Amino acid sequence: GKADIYYPQGWSFIYFLREAEKLGHQPFKPEWNHILKDYLDTLVETNDPDKAVEFAFRDLKGGAMAELQTSYRDFIVALK
């Protein structure tokens, strides 16, 4: 089912946000450091996953989102 895709993808994105910078992955933008905390704080406050996603990614428009996606993909592909 979809959980077979969503769980590993979600896990790997959280791993990227928590560890990529520490592991020296480039590019990793400092402005990405707030995403996970903003998502979790907003989710707790509103109990609304859509609002949490919207708030966490509020600064990533156009090319900035594509840059995050590319960096995430490259990080995951390079994992051993």
C-alpha atoms as a PDB file:
ATOM      1  CA  GLY A   1       0.000   0.000   0.000  1.00  0.00           C
ATOM      2  CA  LYS A   2       0.856   3.657   0.145  1.00  0.00           C
ATOM      3  CA  ALA A   3       2.345   3.257   3.638  1.00  0.00           C
ATOM      4  CA  ASP A   4       5.139   1.264   1.995  1.00  0.00           C
ATOM      5  CA  ILE A   5       6.126   4.452   0.182  1.00  0.00           C
ATOM      6  CA  TYR A   6       5.102   7.208   2.594  1.00  0.00           C
ATOM      7  CA  TYR A   7       6.807   5.885   5.719  1.00  0.00           C
ATOM      8  CA  PRO A   8      10.306   5.437   4.238  1.00  0.00           C
ATOM      9  CA  GLN A   9      10.026   8.730   2.357  1.00  0.00           C
ATOM     10  CA  GLY A  10       8.944  10.566   5.506  1.00  0.00           C
ATOM     11  CA  TRP A  11      11.661   8.907   7.567  1.00  0.00           C
ATOM     12  CA  SER A  12      14.353   9.747   5.026  1.00  0.00           C
ATOM     13  CA  PHE A  13      13.267  13.394   4.800  1.00  0.00           C
ATOM     14  CA  ILE A  14      13.359  13.785   8.583  1.00  0.00           C
ATOM     15  CA  TYR A  15      16.767  12.095   8.612  1.00  0.00           C
ATOM     16  CA  PHE A  16      17.929  14.563   5.952  1.00  0.00           C
ATOM     17  CA  LEU A  17      16.698  17.568   7.953  1.00  0.00           C
ATOM     18  CA  ARG A  18      18.279  16.328  11.188  1.00  0.00           C
ATOM     19  CA  GLU A  19      21.586  14.922   9.920  1.00  0.00           C
ATOM     20  CA  ALA A  20      22.603  16.270   6.499  1.00  0.00           C
ATOM     21  CA  GLU A  21      24.251  19.428   7.783  1.00  0.00           C
ATOM     22  CA  LYS A  22      26.069  17.537  10.576  1.00  0.00           C
ATOM     23  CA  LEU A  23      27.360  15.051   8.018  1.00  0.00           C
ATOM     24  CA  GLY A  24      28.670  17.851   5.802  1.00  0.00           C
ATOM     25  CA  HIS A  25      26.198  17.363   2.954  1.00  0.00           C
ATOM     26  CA  GLN A  26      26.217  20.232   0.490  1.00  0.00           C
ATOM     27  CA  PRO A  27      24.244  22.148  -0.324  1.00  0.00           C
ATOM     28  CA  PHE A  28      22.427  22.445   2.978  1.00  0.00           C
ATOM     29  CA  LYS A  29      20.946  25.874   3.595  1.00  0.00           C
ATOM     30  CA  PRO A  30      20.718  27.230   7.155  1.00  0.00           C
ATOM     31  CA  GLU A  31      17.100  28.251   6.485  1.00  0.00           C
ATOM     32  CA  TRP A  32      16.152  24.570   6.237  1.00  0.00           C
ATOM     33  CA  ASN A  33      16.973  24.065   9.912  1.00  0.00           C
ATOM     34  CA  HIS A  34      13.587  25.452  11.024  1.00  0.00           C
ATOM     35  CA  ILE A  35      11.406  23.159   8.890  1.00  0.00           C
ATOM     36  CA  LEU A  36      11.036  20.199  11.231  1.00  0.00           C
ATOM     37  CA  LYS A  37      10.584  22.282  14.392  1.00  0.00           C
ATOM     38  CA  ASP A  38       8.085  24.596  12.713  1.00  0.00           C
ATOM     39  CA  TYR A  39       6.133  21.624  11.396  1.00  0.00           C
ATOM     40  CA  LEU A  40       5.970  19.860  14.771  1.00  0.00           C
ATOM     41  CA  ASP A  41       5.194  23.026  16.762  1.00  0.00           C
ATOM     42  CA  THR A  42       2.396  23.992  14.366  1.00  0.00           C
ATOM     43  CA  LEU A  43       0.986  20.477  14.317  1.00  0.00           C
ATOM     44  CA  VAL A  44       0.832  20.390  18.126  1.00  0.00           C
ATOM     45  CA  GLU A  45      -0.720  23.864  18.246  1.00  0.00           C
ATOM     46  CA  THR A  46      -3.324  23.398  15.486  1.00  0.00           C
ATOM     47  CA  ASN A  47      -3.719  19.626  15.123  1.00  0.00           C
ATOM     48  CA  ASP A  48      -3.852  20.371  11.389  1.00  0.00           C
ATOM     49  CA  PRO A  49      -1.203  18.607   9.257  1.00  0.00           C
ATOM     50  CA  ASP A  50      -1.956  20.787   6.224  1.00  0.00           C
ATOM     51  CA  LYS A  51      -1.386  24.010   8.174  1.00  0.00           C
ATOM     52  CA  ALA A  52       1.783  22.540   9.669  1.00  0.00           C
ATOM     53  CA  VAL A  53       3.182  21.729   6.225  1.00  0.00           C
ATOM     54  CA  GLU A  54       2.184  25.124   4.858  1.00  0.00           C
ATOM     55  CA  PHE A  55       3.872  26.959   7.745  1.00  0.00           C
ATOM     56  CA  ALA A  56       7.024  24.828   7.760  1.00  0.00           C
ATOM     57  CA  PHE A  57       7.630  25.394   4.040  1.00  0.00           C
ATOM     58  CA  ARG A  58       6.354  28.991   3.920  1.00  0.00           C
ATOM     59  CA  ASP A  59       9.703  30.432   2.789  1.00  0.00           C
ATOM     60  CA  LEU A  60      10.366  27.909   0.048  1.00  0.00           C
ATOM     61  CA  LYS A  61       8.865  29.250  -3.130  1.00  0.00           C
ATOM     62  CA  GLY A  62       9.716  28.285  -6.679  1.00  0.00           C
ATOM     63  CA  GLY A  63      13.397  27.550  -7.079  1.00  0.00           C
ATOM     64  CA  ALA A  64      14.003  27.327  -3.326  1.00  0.00           C
ATOM     65  CA  MET A  65      11.720  24.287  -3.049  1.00  0.00           C
ATOM     66  CA  ALA A  66      13.378  22.670  -6.049  1.00  0.00           C
ATOM     67  CA  GLU A  67      16.785  23.258  -4.463  1.00  0.00           C
ATOM     68  CA  LEU A  68      15.647  21.560  -1.241  1.00  0.00           C
ATOM     69  CA  GLN A  69      14.216  18.621  -3.191  1.00  0.00           C
ATOM     70  CA  THR A  70      17.402  18.178  -5.205  1.00  0.00           C
ATOM     71  CA  SER A  71      19.625  18.358  -2.125  1.00  0.00           C
ATOM     72  CA  TYR A  72      17.405  15.854  -0.288  1.00  0.00           C
ATOM     73  CA  ARG A  73      17.415  13.463  -3.247  1.00  0.00           C
ATOM     74  CA  ASP A  74      21.201  13.692  -3.635  1.00  0.00           C
ATOM     75  CA  PHE A  75      21.684  13.105   0.110  1.00  0.00           C
ATOM     76  CA  ILE A  76      19.490  10.007   0.144  1.00  0.00           C
ATOM     77  CA  VAL A  77      21.012   8.541  -3.018  1.00  0.00           C
ATOM     78  CA  ALA A  78      24.489   8.947  -1.517  1.00  0.00           C
ATOM     79  CA  LEU A  79      23.637   7.112   1.714  1.00  0.00           C
ATOM     80  CA  LYS A  80      25.539   3.876   2.178  1.00  0.00           C
END
